[in-house]
Amino acid sequence: MQTSTKFSEDIVPLSDMKVNPGRVVNQVDKTRRPVLLTNRGRGVAVVQSLKDYETETDERAFLRDIVQGLMDLEEGREVNLADVKKRLGLS
């Protein structure tokens, strides 16, 4: 699980990333916190572990599907199980 952001450590100027990218990647790996890269004081990118990125992407897709399903139910777009089985050719 990811810990909370430490602004004193997790904001890195892009120039530091260019000079020593391994340090930033190792920091992300060690702390399990994303690092915000800045350019001229403005956020431009986030470095995050691949595992955390994939997990968050899967969670967002799952939540979008749940919301879509709830909206379908509210708007009367539902199909009973027997019809679904029939459409899929299942008995």
N, C-alpha and C. Protein backbone atom coordinates (compact mmCIF):
# COMPACT_ATOMS: atom_id res chain seq x y z
N MET A 1 0.83 -1.16 0.00
CA MET A 1 0.00 0.00 0.00
C MET A 1 0.89 1.25 0.00
N GLN A 2 0.44 2.26 -0.69
CA GLN A 2 1.18 3.49 -0.84
C GLN A 2 1.03 4.35 0.40
N THR A 3 2.14 5.00 0.84
CA THR A 3 2.06 5.91 1.97
C THR A 3 1.77 7.31 1.45
N SER A 4 1.47 8.22 2.38
CA SER A 4 1.10 9.58 1.96
C SER A 4 2.31 10.32 1.39
N THR A 5 2.01 11.30 0.57
CA THR A 5 3.03 12.09 -0.09
C THR A 5 3.83 12.90 0.92
N LYS A 6 5.14 12.94 0.73
CA LYS A 6 6.02 13.81 1.51
C LYS A 6 6.54 14.86 0.55
N PHE A 7 5.95 16.05 0.62
CA PHE A 7 6.27 17.09 -0.35
C PHE A 7 7.75 17.46 -0.33
N SER A 8 8.40 17.33 0.82
CA SER A 8 9.82 17.68 0.89
C SER A 8 10.69 16.68 0.13
N GLU A 9 10.17 15.47 -0.13
CA GLU A 9 10.94 14.44 -0.82
C GLU A 9 10.37 14.07 -2.18
N ASP A 10 9.09 14.22 -2.37
CA ASP A 10 8.41 13.65 -3.54
C ASP A 10 8.19 14.64 -4.68
N ILE A 11 8.76 15.83 -4.57
CA ILE A 11 8.72 16.79 -5.66
C ILE A 11 10.16 16.99 -6.12
N VAL A 12 10.42 16.68 -7.38
CA VAL A 12 11.78 16.69 -7.90
C VAL A 12 11.80 17.52 -9.17
N PRO A 13 12.73 18.48 -9.27
CA PRO A 13 12.86 19.24 -10.51
C PRO A 13 13.27 18.31 -11.66
N LEU A 14 12.74 18.56 -12.82
CA LEU A 14 13.06 17.77 -14.01
C LEU A 14 14.56 17.73 -14.25
N SER A 15 15.25 18.81 -13.96
CA SER A 15 16.71 18.83 -14.15
C SER A 15 17.40 17.78 -13.28
N ASP A 16 16.88 17.52 -12.05
CA ASP A 16 17.44 16.47 -11.21
C ASP A 16 17.21 15.09 -11.83
N MET A 17 16.05 14.91 -12.43
CA MET A 17 15.74 13.64 -13.09
C MET A 17 16.69 13.41 -14.26
N LYS A 18 17.00 14.47 -14.99
CA LYS A 18 17.92 14.34 -16.12
C LYS A 18 19.32 13.98 -15.67
N VAL A 19 19.75 14.54 -14.53
CA VAL A 19 21.10 14.30 -14.03
C VAL A 19 21.23 12.91 -13.43
N ASN A 20 20.21 12.48 -12.67
CA ASN A 20 20.32 11.20 -11.97
C ASN A 20 18.96 10.48 -11.95
N PRO A 21 18.54 9.94 -13.12
CA PRO A 21 17.23 9.28 -13.16
C PRO A 21 17.15 8.06 -12.25
N GLY A 22 18.26 7.37 -12.05
CA GLY A 22 18.25 6.19 -11.19
C GLY A 22 17.86 6.51 -9.76
N ARG A 23 18.27 7.67 -9.27
CA ARG A 23 17.92 8.06 -7.91
C ARG A 23 16.41 8.21 -7.75
N VAL A 24 15.77 8.82 -8.74
CA VAL A 24 14.32 9.03 -8.68
C VAL A 24 13.60 7.68 -8.76
N VAL A 25 14.03 6.83 -9.67
CA VAL A 25 13.40 5.51 -9.81
C VAL A 25 13.60 4.69 -8.54
N ASN A 26 14.80 4.73 -7.97
CA ASN A 26 15.05 4.00 -6.72
C ASN A 26 14.20 4.55 -5.58
N GLN A 27 14.02 5.87 -5.55
CA GLN A 27 13.18 6.48 -4.51
C GLN A 27 11.75 5.99 -4.62
N VAL A 28 11.22 5.96 -5.83
CA VAL A 28 9.85 5.47 -6.05
C VAL A 28 9.73 4.02 -5.62
N ASP A 29 10.73 3.23 -5.98
CA ASP A 29 10.72 1.80 -5.63
C ASP A 29 10.80 1.61 -4.12
N LYS A 30 11.65 2.38 -3.47
CA LYS A 30 11.87 2.23 -2.02
C LYS A 30 10.68 2.75 -1.21
N THR A 31 10.16 3.92 -1.56
CA THR A 31 9.11 4.54 -0.74
C THR A 31 7.70 4.13 -1.12
N ARG A 32 7.54 3.60 -2.36
CA ARG A 32 6.22 3.24 -2.90
C ARG A 32 5.32 4.47 -3.02
N ARG A 33 5.96 5.67 -3.13
CA ARG A 33 5.22 6.91 -3.34
C ARG A 33 5.58 7.44 -4.71
N PRO A 34 4.62 8.02 -5.43
CA PRO A 34 4.95 8.63 -6.72
C PRO A 34 5.76 9.91 -6.50
N VAL A 35 6.53 10.28 -7.51
CA VAL A 35 7.33 11.50 -7.47
C VAL A 35 6.79 12.45 -8.53
N LEU A 36 6.55 13.70 -8.13
CA LEU A 36 6.10 14.73 -9.05
C LEU A 36 7.32 15.43 -9.63
N LEU A 37 7.44 15.42 -10.95
CA LEU A 37 8.51 16.14 -11.62
C LEU A 37 8.02 17.53 -11.97
N THR A 38 8.87 18.52 -11.70
CA THR A 38 8.50 19.90 -12.00
C THR A 38 9.47 20.51 -13.01
N ASN A 39 8.97 21.47 -13.74
CA ASN A 39 9.79 22.24 -14.66
C ASN A 39 9.43 23.70 -14.44
N ARG A 40 10.41 24.49 -14.02
CA ARG A 40 10.18 25.90 -13.70
C ARG A 40 9.07 26.07 -12.65
N GLY A 41 9.07 25.15 -11.68
CA GLY A 41 8.13 25.25 -10.57
C GLY A 41 6.73 24.71 -10.82
N ARG A 42 6.50 24.19 -12.02
CA ARG A 42 5.17 23.66 -12.33
C ARG A 42 5.27 22.15 -12.54
N GLY A 43 4.25 21.43 -12.06
CA GLY A 43 4.22 19.99 -12.24
C GLY A 43 4.08 19.62 -13.71
N VAL A 44 4.90 18.67 -14.17
CA VAL A 44 4.84 18.27 -15.57
C VAL A 44 4.65 16.77 -15.77
N ALA A 45 5.00 15.97 -14.77
CA ALA A 45 4.87 14.52 -14.92
C ALA A 45 4.96 13.86 -13.55
N VAL A 46 4.53 12.60 -13.51
CA VAL A 46 4.61 11.81 -12.29
C VAL A 46 5.35 10.52 -12.61
N VAL A 47 6.30 10.17 -11.75
CA VAL A 47 6.99 8.88 -11.85
C VAL A 47 6.39 7.99 -10.79
N GLN A 48 5.91 6.83 -11.22
CA GLN A 48 5.20 5.91 -10.32
C GLN A 48 5.65 4.50 -10.64
N SER A 49 5.62 3.61 -9.66
CA SER A 49 6.01 2.23 -9.93
C SER A 49 5.02 1.61 -10.93
N LEU A 50 5.51 0.73 -11.76
CA LEU A 50 4.67 0.08 -12.75
C LEU A 50 3.55 -0.71 -12.08
N LYS A 51 3.86 -1.40 -11.01
CA LYS A 51 2.84 -2.19 -10.31
C LYS A 51 1.72 -1.29 -9.80
N ASP A 52 2.08 -0.16 -9.17
CA ASP A 52 1.06 0.76 -8.67
C ASP A 52 0.24 1.35 -9.80
N TYR A 53 0.90 1.69 -10.91
CA TYR A 53 0.19 2.24 -12.07
C TYR A 53 -0.82 1.23 -12.60
N GLU A 54 -0.39 -0.02 -12.76
CA GLU A 54 -1.30 -1.06 -13.28
C GLU A 54 -2.47 -1.29 -12.33
N THR A 55 -2.19 -1.33 -11.03
CA THR A 55 -3.25 -1.53 -10.04
C THR A 55 -4.26 -0.40 -10.10
N GLU A 56 -3.78 0.84 -10.13
CA GLU A 56 -4.68 1.99 -10.18
C GLU A 56 -5.47 2.04 -11.47
N THR A 57 -4.86 1.66 -12.58
CA THR A 57 -5.56 1.62 -13.87
C THR A 57 -6.68 0.59 -13.83
N ASP A 58 -6.39 -0.59 -13.29
CA ASP A 58 -7.42 -1.63 -13.17
C ASP A 58 -8.56 -1.19 -12.25
N GLU A 59 -8.21 -0.54 -11.13
CA GLU A 59 -9.23 -0.07 -10.20
C GLU A 59 -10.13 0.99 -10.84
N ARG A 60 -9.53 1.92 -11.58
CA ARG A 60 -10.33 2.96 -12.25
C ARG A 60 -11.28 2.32 -13.27
N ALA A 61 -10.80 1.35 -14.04
CA ALA A 61 -11.66 0.69 -15.03
C ALA A 61 -12.79 -0.04 -14.34
N PHE A 62 -12.50 -0.72 -13.24
CA PHE A 62 -13.52 -1.44 -12.48
C PHE A 62 -14.59 -0.47 -11.96
N LEU A 63 -14.13 0.64 -11.37
CA LEU A 63 -15.08 1.63 -10.84
C LEU A 63 -15.92 2.26 -11.95
N ARG A 64 -15.32 2.52 -13.10
CA ARG A 64 -16.09 3.06 -14.24
C ARG A 64 -17.17 2.07 -14.65
N ASP A 65 -16.84 0.78 -14.68
CA ASP A 65 -17.82 -0.24 -15.05
C ASP A 65 -18.95 -0.32 -14.03
N ILE A 66 -18.61 -0.21 -12.75
CA ILE A 66 -19.63 -0.23 -11.69
C ILE A 66 -20.58 0.96 -11.87
N VAL A 67 -20.03 2.14 -12.06
CA VAL A 67 -20.85 3.34 -12.25
C VAL A 67 -21.73 3.19 -13.48
N GLN A 68 -21.17 2.66 -14.57
CA GLN A 68 -21.97 2.46 -15.78
C GLN A 68 -23.11 1.48 -15.52
N GLY A 69 -22.83 0.41 -14.78
CA GLY A 69 -23.87 -0.55 -14.45
C GLY A 69 -24.98 0.07 -13.60
N LEU A 70 -24.59 0.87 -12.63
CA LEU A 70 -25.60 1.54 -11.80
C LEU A 70 -26.44 2.52 -12.61
N MET A 71 -25.79 3.24 -13.53
CA MET A 71 -26.54 4.16 -14.40
C MET A 71 -27.50 3.39 -15.30
N ASP A 72 -27.04 2.25 -15.83
CA ASP A 72 -27.92 1.41 -16.66
C ASP A 72 -29.14 0.97 -15.88
N LEU A 73 -28.93 0.53 -14.64
CA LEU A 73 -30.06 0.10 -13.81
C LEU A 73 -31.03 1.25 -13.55
N GLU A 74 -30.49 2.43 -13.23
CA GLU A 74 -31.34 3.59 -12.96
C GLU A 74 -32.16 3.98 -14.18
N GLU A 75 -31.61 3.78 -15.36
CA GLU A 75 -32.30 4.20 -16.59
C GLU A 75 -33.06 3.04 -17.24
N GLY A 76 -33.20 1.93 -16.49
CA GLY A 76 -34.01 0.82 -16.96
C GLY A 76 -33.37 -0.04 -18.04
N ARG A 77 -32.07 0.10 -18.22
CA ARG A 77 -31.38 -0.73 -19.21
C ARG A 77 -30.83 -1.97 -18.51
N GLU A 78 -31.70 -2.95 -18.38
CA GLU A 78 -31.29 -4.19 -17.72
C GLU A 78 -31.84 -5.36 -18.50
N VAL A 79 -31.17 -6.48 -18.34
CA VAL A 79 -31.56 -7.71 -19.04
C VAL A 79 -31.57 -8.82 -18.00
N ASN A 80 -32.59 -9.66 -18.04
CA ASN A 80 -32.62 -10.74 -17.05
C ASN A 80 -31.64 -11.85 -17.44
N LEU A 81 -31.30 -12.68 -16.46
CA LEU A 81 -30.27 -13.69 -16.63
C LEU A 81 -30.62 -14.69 -17.74
N ALA A 82 -31.87 -15.06 -17.85
CA ALA A 82 -32.29 -16.03 -18.87
C ALA A 82 -32.01 -15.48 -20.29
N ASP A 83 -32.29 -14.19 -20.49
CA ASP A 83 -32.02 -13.56 -21.78
C ASP A 83 -30.53 -13.48 -22.09
N VAL A 84 -29.74 -13.20 -21.06
CA VAL A 84 -28.28 -13.14 -21.25
C VAL A 84 -27.76 -14.51 -21.66
N LYS A 85 -28.20 -15.54 -20.96
CA LYS A 85 -27.75 -16.90 -21.29
C LYS A 85 -28.16 -17.26 -22.71
N LYS A 86 -29.37 -16.87 -23.10
CA LYS A 86 -29.86 -17.18 -24.44
C LYS A 86 -28.99 -16.47 -25.49
N ARG A 87 -28.69 -15.18 -25.26
CA ARG A 87 -27.83 -14.42 -26.18
C ARG A 87 -26.44 -15.02 -26.32
N LEU A 88 -25.92 -15.56 -25.21
CA LEU A 88 -24.59 -16.15 -25.23
C LEU A 88 -24.58 -17.62 -25.63
N GLY A 89 -25.74 -18.16 -25.86
CA GLY A 89 -25.82 -19.56 -26.27
C GLY A 89 -25.56 -20.53 -25.13
N LEU A 90 -25.86 -20.11 -23.91
CA LEU A 90 -25.68 -20.95 -22.74
C LEU A 90 -27.02 -21.49 -22.27
N SER A 91 -27.00 -22.63 -21.63
CA SER A 91 -28.25 -23.20 -21.13
C SER A 91 -28.45 -22.90 -19.67
